[in-house]
Amino acid sequence: MSRKEVVLQFFHDNWKFWLSVCLVVALFAIAVTVYMRKEEKRVTEPLTVKYEDSTNSEKMKKALDVDSGASREITREIERIHDGDVRPVVTYTVEAPTIEAAAMETAKNIEQRDTRLPKQAVEKTDRTVITPDPNKQTVDVYKINLRNNHKIKVGVLQVDGKTYGGAGYQAGRWEGMVYTRDGRQIDAGSIMYTIKQW
């Protein structure tokens, strides 16, 4: 028998097994796809948060499902906005009987990508937080883009007329790089920490 005939005979004899394997793989792929779409919708749909909770790092961490560092950074920026240090990018008016109803209407319009809203309100971001402020009778919309904390980097370093290729890894504010001239051994390295970012 030729190799092709052996393979065909094997599949002919074991077709039930291979059919079940294909079905399991297909069901797994469908389940993963459904889960990913559901998770993406959960993360990207607007979230309404109480005004007083919007500056509480722990409550925002739980509400936004982010780590402690990102939560502190988000609440720090929201505090700056509350203090008046940062002006709104755009303002618009929503008519509603109560401030809570206005927040719900705003969330619904953002989720449906209503064309009557300013483009900044409906732009796609990692998180959208809506906060009704009963004191000022306003609804604040915060569009939050989370930084990707893990980065792989490559680069070139030139020292004393010699060129080195480099590869590195960054996690949060820490970054490490190694450099090689011939690709066989590490000739240099560096570790850096970002002390200020904006």
N, C-alpha and C. Protein backbone atom coordinates (compact mmCIF):
# COMPACT_ATOMS: atom_id res chain seq x y z
N MET A 1 0.84 -1.20 0.00
CA MET A 1 0.00 0.00 0.00
C MET A 1 0.87 1.25 0.00
N SER A 2 0.41 2.24 -0.70
CA SER A 2 1.15 3.50 -0.71
C SER A 2 0.81 4.30 0.55
N ARG A 3 1.60 5.30 0.79
CA ARG A 3 1.40 6.15 1.98
C ARG A 3 0.02 6.79 1.95
N LYS A 4 -0.39 7.26 0.79
CA LYS A 4 -1.70 7.91 0.65
C LYS A 4 -2.82 6.92 0.99
N GLU A 5 -2.72 5.70 0.53
CA GLU A 5 -3.73 4.70 0.81
C GLU A 5 -3.79 4.36 2.30
N VAL A 6 -2.62 4.34 2.96
CA VAL A 6 -2.57 4.07 4.40
C VAL A 6 -3.28 5.17 5.17
N VAL A 7 -3.02 6.41 4.78
CA VAL A 7 -3.66 7.54 5.47
C VAL A 7 -5.17 7.51 5.25
N LEU A 8 -5.60 7.26 4.02
CA LEU A 8 -7.03 7.20 3.73
C LEU A 8 -7.69 6.04 4.50
N GLN A 9 -7.04 4.93 4.56
CA GLN A 9 -7.58 3.78 5.31
C GLN A 9 -7.69 4.11 6.80
N PHE A 10 -6.67 4.81 7.34
CA PHE A 10 -6.70 5.20 8.76
C PHE A 10 -7.89 6.11 9.04
N PHE A 11 -8.10 7.12 8.17
CA PHE A 11 -9.23 8.02 8.38
C PHE A 11 -10.56 7.29 8.17
N HIS A 12 -10.60 6.36 7.25
CA HIS A 12 -11.82 5.58 7.01
C HIS A 12 -12.17 4.74 8.23
N ASP A 13 -11.15 4.14 8.83
CA ASP A 13 -11.38 3.29 10.00
C ASP A 13 -11.71 4.08 11.26
N ASN A 14 -11.23 5.34 11.35
CA ASN A 14 -11.39 6.15 12.57
C ASN A 14 -12.21 7.41 12.33
N TRP A 15 -13.13 7.38 11.39
CA TRP A 15 -13.87 8.60 11.05
C TRP A 15 -14.71 9.12 12.20
N LYS A 16 -15.25 8.27 13.05
CA LYS A 16 -16.06 8.73 14.19
C LYS A 16 -15.22 9.52 15.18
N PHE A 17 -14.03 9.03 15.44
CA PHE A 17 -13.13 9.74 16.36
C PHE A 17 -12.79 11.13 15.81
N TRP A 18 -12.40 11.19 14.54
CA TRP A 18 -12.01 12.49 13.95
C TRP A 18 -13.20 13.44 13.83
N LEU A 19 -14.38 12.91 13.58
CA LEU A 19 -15.58 13.74 13.56
C LEU A 19 -15.84 14.34 14.93
N SER A 20 -15.70 13.52 15.98
CA SER A 20 -15.92 14.04 17.34
C SER A 20 -14.86 15.07 17.71
N VAL A 21 -13.61 14.88 17.29
CA VAL A 21 -12.56 15.87 17.55
C VAL A 21 -12.90 17.19 16.86
N CYS A 22 -13.32 17.13 15.61
CA CYS A 22 -13.70 18.35 14.88
C CYS A 22 -14.87 19.06 15.54
N LEU A 23 -15.86 18.29 16.01
CA LEU A 23 -17.02 18.90 16.69
C LEU A 23 -16.60 19.58 17.99
N VAL A 24 -15.74 18.93 18.76
CA VAL A 24 -15.26 19.52 20.01
C VAL A 24 -14.50 20.82 19.74
N VAL A 25 -13.64 20.81 18.73
CA VAL A 25 -12.88 22.01 18.38
C VAL A 25 -13.82 23.12 17.93
N ALA A 26 -14.82 22.78 17.11
CA ALA A 26 -15.78 23.79 16.65
C ALA A 26 -16.58 24.37 17.81
N LEU A 27 -17.04 23.51 18.72
CA LEU A 27 -17.80 24.00 19.88
C LEU A 27 -16.93 24.88 20.78
N PHE A 28 -15.68 24.50 20.95
CA PHE A 28 -14.76 25.32 21.75
C PHE A 28 -14.56 26.68 21.10
N ALA A 29 -14.37 26.71 19.78
CA ALA A 29 -14.17 27.98 19.07
C ALA A 29 -15.41 28.87 19.20
N ILE A 30 -16.60 28.28 19.10
CA ILE A 30 -17.84 29.05 19.24
C ILE A 30 -17.97 29.59 20.66
N ALA A 31 -17.68 28.77 21.66
CA ALA A 31 -17.77 29.21 23.06
C ALA A 31 -16.80 30.36 23.33
N VAL A 32 -15.57 30.25 22.84
CA VAL A 32 -14.59 31.32 23.05
C VAL A 32 -15.04 32.60 22.37
N THR A 33 -15.57 32.50 21.15
CA THR A 33 -16.05 33.68 20.43
C THR A 33 -17.19 34.35 21.18
N VAL A 34 -18.15 33.58 21.64
CA VAL A 34 -19.29 34.14 22.40
C VAL A 34 -18.79 34.82 23.67
N TYR A 35 -17.89 34.16 24.40
CA TYR A 35 -17.35 34.73 25.63
C TYR A 35 -16.62 36.04 25.36
N MET A 36 -15.79 36.08 24.32
CA MET A 36 -15.01 37.28 24.01
C MET A 36 -15.93 38.45 23.65
N ARG A 37 -16.96 38.19 22.87
CA ARG A 37 -17.90 39.26 22.50
C ARG A 37 -18.66 39.77 23.73
N LYS A 38 -19.07 38.84 24.59
CA LYS A 38 -19.79 39.24 25.81
C LYS A 38 -18.87 40.05 26.72
N GLU A 39 -17.62 39.63 26.87
CA GLU A 39 -16.66 40.34 27.71
C GLU A 39 -16.35 41.72 27.14
N GLU A 40 -16.20 41.81 25.81
CA GLU A 40 -15.93 43.10 25.18
C GLU A 40 -17.09 44.06 25.39
N LYS A 41 -18.32 43.57 25.26
CA LYS A 41 -19.50 44.41 25.48
C LYS A 41 -19.56 44.88 26.93
N ARG A 42 -19.24 43.98 27.87
CA ARG A 42 -19.27 44.35 29.28
C ARG A 42 -18.26 45.44 29.58
N VAL A 43 -17.09 45.34 28.98
CA VAL A 43 -16.03 46.32 29.26
C VAL A 43 -16.31 47.64 28.58
N THR A 44 -16.86 47.63 27.35
CA THR A 44 -17.00 48.87 26.60
C THR A 44 -18.33 49.59 26.82
N GLU A 45 -19.30 48.95 27.45
CA GLU A 45 -20.56 49.65 27.66
C GLU A 45 -20.39 50.71 28.76
N PRO A 46 -21.08 51.84 28.62
CA PRO A 46 -20.94 52.93 29.60
C PRO A 46 -21.35 52.47 31.00
N LEU A 47 -20.62 52.96 31.98
CA LEU A 47 -20.86 52.60 33.37
C LEU A 47 -21.21 53.86 34.15
N THR A 48 -22.34 53.85 34.84
CA THR A 48 -22.74 55.01 35.65
C THR A 48 -22.24 54.81 37.07
N VAL A 49 -21.53 55.82 37.59
CA VAL A 49 -20.92 55.76 38.91
C VAL A 49 -21.37 56.99 39.69
N LYS A 50 -21.66 56.81 40.99
CA LYS A 50 -22.02 57.94 41.84
C LYS A 50 -20.89 58.96 41.87
N TYR A 51 -21.26 60.24 42.00
CA TYR A 51 -20.28 61.32 42.00
C TYR A 51 -19.22 61.11 43.08
N GLU A 52 -19.65 60.77 44.29
CA GLU A 52 -18.70 60.61 45.39
C GLU A 52 -17.82 59.36 45.22
N ASP A 53 -18.30 58.37 44.48
CA ASP A 53 -17.50 57.17 44.23
C ASP A 53 -16.46 57.38 43.13
N SER A 54 -16.63 58.41 42.31
CA SER A 54 -15.74 58.59 41.18
C SER A 54 -14.32 58.98 41.59
N THR A 55 -14.14 59.40 42.84
CA THR A 55 -12.79 59.73 43.32
C THR A 55 -12.31 58.73 44.38
N ASN A 56 -13.06 57.66 44.56
CA ASN A 56 -12.67 56.60 45.50
C ASN A 56 -11.96 55.50 44.71
N SER A 57 -10.67 55.37 44.94
CA SER A 57 -9.84 54.46 44.17
C SER A 57 -10.31 53.01 44.27
N GLU A 58 -10.68 52.55 45.44
CA GLU A 58 -11.11 51.16 45.61
C GLU A 58 -12.42 50.89 44.89
N LYS A 59 -13.38 51.81 44.99
CA LYS A 59 -14.67 51.59 44.33
C LYS A 59 -14.52 51.64 42.81
N MET A 60 -13.67 52.53 42.31
CA MET A 60 -13.45 52.60 40.87
C MET A 60 -12.70 51.36 40.37
N LYS A 61 -11.81 50.84 41.20
CA LYS A 61 -11.07 49.62 40.83
C LYS A 61 -12.05 48.48 40.59
N LYS A 62 -13.01 48.32 41.49
CA LYS A 62 -14.00 47.25 41.35
C LYS A 62 -14.96 47.52 40.19
N ALA A 63 -15.42 48.77 40.08
CA ALA A 63 -16.40 49.10 39.05
C ALA A 63 -15.82 48.97 37.64
N LEU A 64 -14.57 49.39 37.46
CA LEU A 64 -13.96 49.39 36.13
C LEU A 64 -13.18 48.12 35.83
N ASP A 65 -12.98 47.27 36.85
CA ASP A 65 -12.21 46.04 36.70
C ASP A 65 -10.80 46.34 36.18
N VAL A 66 -10.10 47.23 36.92
CA VAL A 66 -8.73 47.59 36.59
C VAL A 66 -7.85 47.33 37.81
N ASP A 67 -6.53 47.39 37.63
CA ASP A 67 -5.63 47.18 38.76
C ASP A 67 -5.54 48.44 39.62
N SER A 68 -4.89 48.33 40.77
CA SER A 68 -4.81 49.44 41.74
C SER A 68 -4.11 50.66 41.15
N GLY A 69 -3.03 50.44 40.40
CA GLY A 69 -2.29 51.57 39.82
C GLY A 69 -3.14 52.35 38.84
N ALA A 70 -3.83 51.64 37.95
CA ALA A 70 -4.70 52.31 36.97
C ALA A 70 -5.84 53.02 37.68
N SER A 71 -6.40 52.40 38.72
CA SER A 71 -7.49 53.00 39.47
C SER A 71 -7.05 54.31 40.14
N ARG A 72 -5.87 54.29 40.74
CA ARG A 72 -5.36 55.52 41.37
C ARG A 72 -5.15 56.63 40.35
N GLU A 73 -4.61 56.26 39.20
CA GLU A 73 -4.37 57.25 38.14
C GLU A 73 -5.69 57.83 37.62
N ILE A 74 -6.69 56.97 37.42
CA ILE A 74 -8.00 57.43 36.95
C ILE A 74 -8.64 58.37 37.96
N THR A 75 -8.66 57.97 39.24
CA THR A 75 -9.31 58.83 40.25
C THR A 75 -8.54 60.12 40.44
N ARG A 76 -7.23 60.11 40.29
CA ARG A 76 -6.43 61.34 40.39
C ARG A 76 -6.83 62.32 39.29
N GLU A 77 -7.02 61.81 38.08
CA GLU A 77 -7.42 62.67 36.97
C GLU A 77 -8.85 63.19 37.16
N ILE A 78 -9.74 62.34 37.66
CA ILE A 78 -11.11 62.77 37.92
C ILE A 78 -11.14 63.85 39.00
N GLU A 79 -10.31 63.72 40.03
CA GLU A 79 -10.22 64.75 41.07
C GLU A 79 -9.78 66.08 40.48
N ARG A 80 -8.82 66.04 39.55
CA ARG A 80 -8.37 67.28 38.89
C ARG A 80 -9.52 67.92 38.12
N ILE A 81 -10.35 67.09 37.50
CA ILE A 81 -11.51 67.62 36.77
C ILE A 81 -12.51 68.22 37.74
N HIS A 82 -12.77 67.53 38.85
CA HIS A 82 -13.71 68.04 39.86
C HIS A 82 -13.21 69.36 40.45
N ASP A 83 -11.89 69.49 40.63
CA ASP A 83 -11.33 70.72 41.19
C ASP A 83 -11.31 71.87 40.20
N GLY A 84 -11.61 71.60 38.93
CA GLY A 84 -11.62 72.66 37.92
C GLY A 84 -10.27 72.87 37.25
N ASP A 85 -9.29 72.00 37.54
CA ASP A 85 -7.98 72.14 36.92
C ASP A 85 -8.01 71.79 35.43
N VAL A 86 -8.97 70.94 35.03
CA VAL A 86 -9.09 70.52 33.64
C VAL A 86 -10.50 70.88 33.17
N ARG A 87 -10.56 71.55 32.05
CA ARG A 87 -11.85 71.95 31.48
C ARG A 87 -12.39 70.82 30.60
N PRO A 88 -13.71 70.72 30.45
CA PRO A 88 -14.29 69.70 29.58
C PRO A 88 -13.87 69.92 28.12
N VAL A 89 -13.71 68.83 27.40
CA VAL A 89 -13.38 68.93 25.98
C VAL A 89 -14.58 69.46 25.21
N VAL A 90 -15.77 69.00 25.59
CA VAL A 90 -16.99 69.43 24.93
C VAL A 90 -18.13 69.40 25.94
N THR A 91 -19.11 70.25 25.77
CA THR A 91 -20.31 70.23 26.62
C THR A 91 -21.53 70.18 25.72
N TYR A 92 -22.59 69.56 26.20
CA TYR A 92 -23.85 69.52 25.48
C TYR A 92 -24.97 69.39 26.50
N THR A 93 -26.21 69.62 26.07
CA THR A 93 -27.35 69.65 26.97
C THR A 93 -28.26 68.45 26.70
N VAL A 94 -28.72 67.86 27.81
CA VAL A 94 -29.69 66.76 27.74
C VAL A 94 -30.86 67.18 28.61
N GLU A 95 -32.07 67.10 28.08
CA GLU A 95 -33.25 67.44 28.88
C GLU A 95 -33.78 66.18 29.54
N ALA A 96 -33.96 66.25 30.87
CA ALA A 96 -34.46 65.11 31.63
C ALA A 96 -35.08 65.63 32.93
N PRO A 97 -36.02 64.87 33.52
CA PRO A 97 -36.67 65.33 34.74
C PRO A 97 -35.74 65.35 35.95
N THR A 98 -34.76 64.43 36.02
CA THR A 98 -33.82 64.40 37.14
C THR A 98 -32.41 64.19 36.59
N ILE A 99 -31.43 64.45 37.44
CA ILE A 99 -30.04 64.28 37.03
C ILE A 99 -29.72 62.80 36.79
N GLU A 100 -30.34 61.91 37.57
CA GLU A 100 -30.14 60.47 37.39
C GLU A 100 -30.73 60.02 36.05
N ALA A 101 -31.89 60.55 35.70
CA ALA A 101 -32.51 60.23 34.40
C ALA A 101 -31.63 60.74 33.26
N ALA A 102 -31.02 61.89 33.44
CA ALA A 102 -30.11 62.43 32.42
C ALA A 102 -28.89 61.53 32.25
N ALA A 103 -28.38 61.00 33.37
CA ALA A 103 -27.23 60.09 33.30
C ALA A 103 -27.61 58.80 32.57
N MET A 104 -28.80 58.26 32.87
CA MET A 104 -29.25 57.04 32.20
C MET A 104 -29.46 57.28 30.71
N GLU A 105 -30.04 58.43 30.37
CA GLU A 105 -30.26 58.78 28.97
C GLU A 105 -28.93 58.94 28.23
N THR A 106 -27.97 59.58 28.88
CA THR A 106 -26.64 59.75 28.29
C THR A 106 -25.98 58.40 28.06
N ALA A 107 -26.04 57.51 29.04
CA ALA A 107 -25.45 56.18 28.90
C ALA A 107 -26.09 55.42 27.74
N LYS A 108 -27.41 55.49 27.65
CA LYS A 108 -28.12 54.80 26.57
C LYS A 108 -27.71 55.36 25.21
N ASN A 109 -27.63 56.69 25.11
CA ASN A 109 -27.25 57.32 23.84
C ASN A 109 -25.82 56.98 23.44
N ILE A 110 -24.92 56.92 24.41
CA ILE A 110 -23.53 56.57 24.11
C ILE A 110 -23.44 55.12 23.66
N GLU A 111 -24.16 54.24 24.35
CA GLU A 111 -24.13 52.82 23.99
C GLU A 111 -24.69 52.59 22.59
N GLN A 112 -25.71 53.37 22.21
CA GLN A 112 -26.31 53.24 20.88
C GLN A 112 -25.58 54.09 19.84
N ARG A 113 -24.53 54.77 20.25
CA ARG A 113 -23.74 55.64 19.36
C ARG A 113 -24.63 56.64 18.63
N ASP A 114 -25.46 57.32 19.39
CA ASP A 114 -26.39 58.31 18.86
C ASP A 114 -25.63 59.40 18.13
N THR A 115 -26.04 59.69 16.90
CA THR A 115 -25.34 60.67 16.08
C THR A 115 -25.56 62.11 16.54
N ARG A 116 -26.54 62.33 17.41
CA ARG A 116 -26.76 63.68 17.93
C ARG A 116 -25.74 64.08 18.99
N LEU A 117 -25.03 63.10 19.54
CA LEU A 117 -24.02 63.38 20.55
C LEU A 117 -22.73 63.87 19.89
N PRO A 118 -21.93 64.65 20.62
CA PRO A 118 -20.62 65.04 20.09
C PRO A 118 -19.76 63.80 19.84
N LYS A 119 -18.89 63.87 18.85
CA LYS A 119 -18.09 62.69 18.48
C LYS A 119 -17.21 62.23 19.63
N GLN A 120 -16.78 63.16 20.52
CA GLN A 120 -15.94 62.76 21.65
C GLN A 120 -16.70 61.86 22.61
N ALA A 121 -18.02 62.03 22.72
CA ALA A 121 -18.81 61.23 23.65
C ALA A 121 -19.00 59.80 23.16
N VAL A 122 -19.00 59.60 21.85
CA VAL A 122 -19.26 58.26 21.32
C VAL A 122 -17.99 57.57 20.80
N GLU A 123 -16.84 58.23 20.91
CA GLU A 123 -15.62 57.58 20.43
C GLU A 123 -15.34 56.34 21.25
N LYS A 124 -14.71 55.37 20.60
CA LYS A 124 -14.42 54.09 21.24
C LYS A 124 -13.22 54.24 22.16
N THR A 125 -13.39 53.88 23.43
CA THR A 125 -12.32 53.89 24.41
C THR A 125 -12.41 52.61 25.23
N ASP A 126 -11.39 52.40 26.08
CA ASP A 126 -11.38 51.19 26.91
C ASP A 126 -12.52 51.18 27.92
N ARG A 127 -12.80 52.31 28.53
CA ARG A 127 -13.88 52.42 29.50
C ARG A 127 -14.57 53.78 29.33
N THR A 128 -15.88 53.81 29.61
CA THR A 128 -16.64 55.05 29.63
C THR A 128 -17.35 55.11 30.98
N VAL A 129 -17.10 56.20 31.73
CA VAL A 129 -17.72 56.38 33.04
C VAL A 129 -18.62 57.61 32.98
N ILE A 130 -19.84 57.44 33.45
CA ILE A 130 -20.81 58.54 33.49
C ILE A 130 -21.13 58.82 34.95
N THR A 131 -20.96 60.09 35.35
CA THR A 131 -21.14 60.47 36.74
C THR A 131 -22.11 61.65 36.85
N PRO A 132 -23.29 61.43 37.44
CA PRO A 132 -24.20 62.56 37.67
C PRO A 132 -23.74 63.37 38.89
N ASP A 133 -23.65 64.68 38.74
CA ASP A 133 -23.26 65.57 39.83
C ASP A 133 -24.50 66.34 40.27
N PRO A 134 -25.13 65.92 41.39
CA PRO A 134 -26.37 66.57 41.83
C PRO A 134 -26.16 68.02 42.28
N ASN A 135 -24.95 68.37 42.72
CA ASN A 135 -24.70 69.74 43.18
C ASN A 135 -24.67 70.73 42.02
N LYS A 136 -24.00 70.38 40.96
CA LYS A 136 -23.89 71.27 39.79
C LYS A 136 -24.97 71.01 38.76
N GLN A 137 -25.76 69.94 38.97
CA GLN A 137 -26.79 69.53 38.01
C GLN A 137 -26.18 69.27 36.63
N THR A 138 -25.08 68.51 36.63
CA THR A 138 -24.41 68.13 35.39
C THR A 138 -24.17 66.63 35.37
N VAL A 139 -23.94 66.11 34.20
CA VAL A 139 -23.55 64.71 34.03
C VAL A 139 -22.19 64.73 33.36
N ASP A 140 -21.20 64.18 34.04
CA ASP A 140 -19.84 64.12 33.49
C ASP A 140 -19.65 62.78 32.79
N VAL A 141 -19.03 62.83 31.62
CA VAL A 141 -18.70 61.63 30.86
C VAL A 141 -17.18 61.57 30.76
N TYR A 142 -16.60 60.49 31.30
CA TYR A 142 -15.14 60.31 31.26
C TYR A 142 -14.83 59.19 30.29
N LYS A 143 -14.04 59.49 29.28
CA LYS A 143 -13.59 58.50 28.31
C LYS A 143 -12.18 58.09 28.73
N ILE A 144 -12.00 56.82 29.07
CA ILE A 144 -10.75 56.35 29.66
C ILE A 144 -10.06 55.38 28.71
N ASN A 145 -8.83 55.68 28.36
CA ASN A 145 -8.00 54.77 27.59
C ASN A 145 -6.93 54.23 28.53
N LEU A 146 -6.95 52.94 28.74
CA LEU A 146 -5.96 52.30 29.59
C LEU A 146 -4.70 52.04 28.78
N ARG A 147 -3.58 52.26 29.41
CA ARG A 147 -2.32 51.97 28.73
C ARG A 147 -2.07 50.47 28.79
N ASN A 148 -1.53 49.95 27.70
CA ASN A 148 -1.11 48.54 27.73
C ASN A 148 0.16 48.49 28.56
N ASN A 149 0.12 47.76 29.68
CA ASN A 149 1.22 47.77 30.64
C ASN A 149 2.41 46.93 30.24
N HIS A 150 2.24 46.00 29.34
CA HIS A 150 3.35 45.12 28.97
C HIS A 150 3.73 45.39 27.52
N LYS A 151 5.01 45.71 27.31
CA LYS A 151 5.48 46.04 25.97
C LYS A 151 6.79 45.33 25.69
N ILE A 152 6.94 44.83 24.48
CA ILE A 152 8.20 44.26 24.03
C ILE A 152 8.79 45.25 23.06
N LYS A 153 10.08 45.56 23.25
CA LYS A 153 10.71 46.61 22.47
C LYS A 153 11.96 46.10 21.77
N VAL A 154 12.30 46.71 20.65
CA VAL A 154 13.56 46.45 19.96
C VAL A 154 14.17 47.80 19.61
N GLY A 155 15.48 47.83 19.48
CA GLY A 155 16.14 49.08 19.14
C GLY A 155 17.59 48.86 18.76
N VAL A 156 18.25 49.95 18.49
CA VAL A 156 19.65 49.94 18.10
C VAL A 156 20.39 50.92 18.99
N LEU A 157 21.57 50.53 19.42
CA LEU A 157 22.42 51.36 20.26
C LEU A 157 23.78 51.49 19.56
N GLN A 158 24.28 52.72 19.52
CA GLN A 158 25.60 52.92 18.92
C GLN A 158 26.49 53.57 19.97
N VAL A 159 27.63 52.90 20.26
CA VAL A 159 28.59 53.39 21.25
C VAL A 159 29.99 53.23 20.67
N ASP A 160 30.77 54.30 20.73
CA ASP A 160 32.15 54.27 20.24
C ASP A 160 32.27 53.69 18.83
N GLY A 161 31.34 54.04 17.96
CA GLY A 161 31.39 53.59 16.58
C GLY A 161 30.92 52.16 16.38
N LYS A 162 30.49 51.49 17.42
CA LYS A 162 30.02 50.11 17.31
C LYS A 162 28.49 50.10 17.44
N THR A 163 27.83 49.30 16.61
CA THR A 163 26.37 49.23 16.62
C THR A 163 25.93 47.93 17.27
N TYR A 164 24.95 48.04 18.17
CA TYR A 164 24.40 46.90 18.89
C TYR A 164 22.90 46.84 18.64
N GLY A 165 22.39 45.63 18.42
CA GLY A 165 20.95 45.42 18.35
C GLY A 165 20.42 45.14 19.74
N GLY A 166 19.24 45.64 20.04
CA GLY A 166 18.71 45.47 21.39
C GLY A 166 17.28 44.96 21.40
N ALA A 167 16.94 44.29 22.48
CA ALA A 167 15.58 43.83 22.71
C ALA A 167 15.26 44.09 24.18
N GLY A 168 14.01 44.43 24.45
CA GLY A 168 13.66 44.75 25.83
C GLY A 168 12.21 44.47 26.15
N TYR A 169 11.91 44.66 27.41
CA TYR A 169 10.57 44.42 27.94
C TYR A 169 10.22 45.55 28.89
N GLN A 170 8.98 46.04 28.80
CA GLN A 170 8.51 47.09 29.70
C GLN A 170 7.25 46.62 30.40
N ALA A 171 7.23 46.76 31.72
CA ALA A 171 6.06 46.44 32.53
C ALA A 171 5.76 47.66 33.38
N GLY A 172 4.68 48.36 33.05
CA GLY A 172 4.35 49.57 33.78
C GLY A 172 5.41 50.62 33.58
N ARG A 173 6.03 51.08 34.66
CA ARG A 173 7.06 52.11 34.58
C ARG A 173 8.47 51.55 34.45
N TRP A 174 8.64 50.24 34.62
CA TRP A 174 9.96 49.62 34.53
C TRP A 174 10.24 49.14 33.12
N GLU A 175 11.48 49.33 32.68
CA GLU A 175 11.89 48.89 31.35
C GLU A 175 13.29 48.32 31.41
N GLY A 176 13.48 47.17 30.81
CA GLY A 176 14.81 46.56 30.74
C GLY A 176 15.18 46.27 29.30
N MET A 177 16.43 46.52 28.94
CA MET A 177 16.91 46.28 27.59
C MET A 177 18.24 45.51 27.66
N VAL A 178 18.45 44.62 26.71
CA VAL A 178 19.74 43.96 26.56
C VAL A 178 20.20 44.19 25.12
N TYR A 179 21.53 44.31 24.96
CA TYR A 179 22.11 44.62 23.66
C TYR A 179 23.15 43.58 23.29
N THR A 180 23.21 43.26 22.00
CA THR A 180 24.17 42.30 21.51
C THR A 180 24.76 42.80 20.20
N ARG A 181 26.00 42.45 19.99
CA ARG A 181 26.65 42.86 18.76
C ARG A 181 26.60 41.74 17.73
N ASP A 182 26.76 40.52 18.17
CA ASP A 182 26.82 39.40 17.23
C ASP A 182 25.61 38.47 17.32
N GLY A 183 24.73 38.70 18.27
CA GLY A 183 23.55 37.87 18.41
C GLY A 183 23.77 36.61 19.22
N ARG A 184 24.98 36.42 19.74
CA ARG A 184 25.29 35.20 20.49
C ARG A 184 25.43 35.45 21.98
N GLN A 185 25.88 36.63 22.34
CA GLN A 185 26.08 36.94 23.76
C GLN A 185 25.59 38.35 24.05
N ILE A 186 25.23 38.59 25.29
CA ILE A 186 24.77 39.92 25.70
C ILE A 186 26.00 40.77 25.99
N ASP A 187 26.09 41.92 25.30
CA ASP A 187 27.23 42.81 25.46
C ASP A 187 26.93 43.98 26.40
N ALA A 188 25.66 44.34 26.55
CA ALA A 188 25.30 45.47 27.41
C ALA A 188 23.85 45.32 27.85
N GLY A 189 23.47 46.05 28.86
CA GLY A 189 22.10 46.01 29.35
C GLY A 189 21.76 47.30 30.06
N SER A 190 20.47 47.56 30.20
CA SER A 190 20.03 48.75 30.92
C SER A 190 18.69 48.47 31.57
N ILE A 191 18.47 49.14 32.69
CA ILE A 191 17.18 49.11 33.38
C ILE A 191 16.80 50.56 33.63
N MET A 192 15.54 50.91 33.29
CA MET A 192 15.06 52.28 33.47
C MET A 192 13.73 52.28 34.19
N TYR A 193 13.47 53.38 34.89
CA TYR A 193 12.20 53.58 35.58
C TYR A 193 11.67 54.95 35.19
N THR A 194 10.41 55.02 34.78
CA THR A 194 9.79 56.29 34.41
C THR A 194 9.33 57.01 35.68
N ILE A 195 9.91 58.18 35.96
CA ILE A 195 9.55 58.89 37.19
C ILE A 195 8.38 59.84 36.98
N LYS A 196 8.10 60.27 35.75
CA LYS A 196 6.95 61.13 35.48
C LYS A 196 6.43 60.83 34.10
N GLN A 197 5.12 60.76 33.98
CA GLN A 197 4.50 60.56 32.65
C GLN A 197 3.29 61.47 32.53
N TRP A 198 2.96 61.86 31.30
CA TRP A 198 1.81 62.74 31.06
C TRP A 198 1.22 62.44 29.73
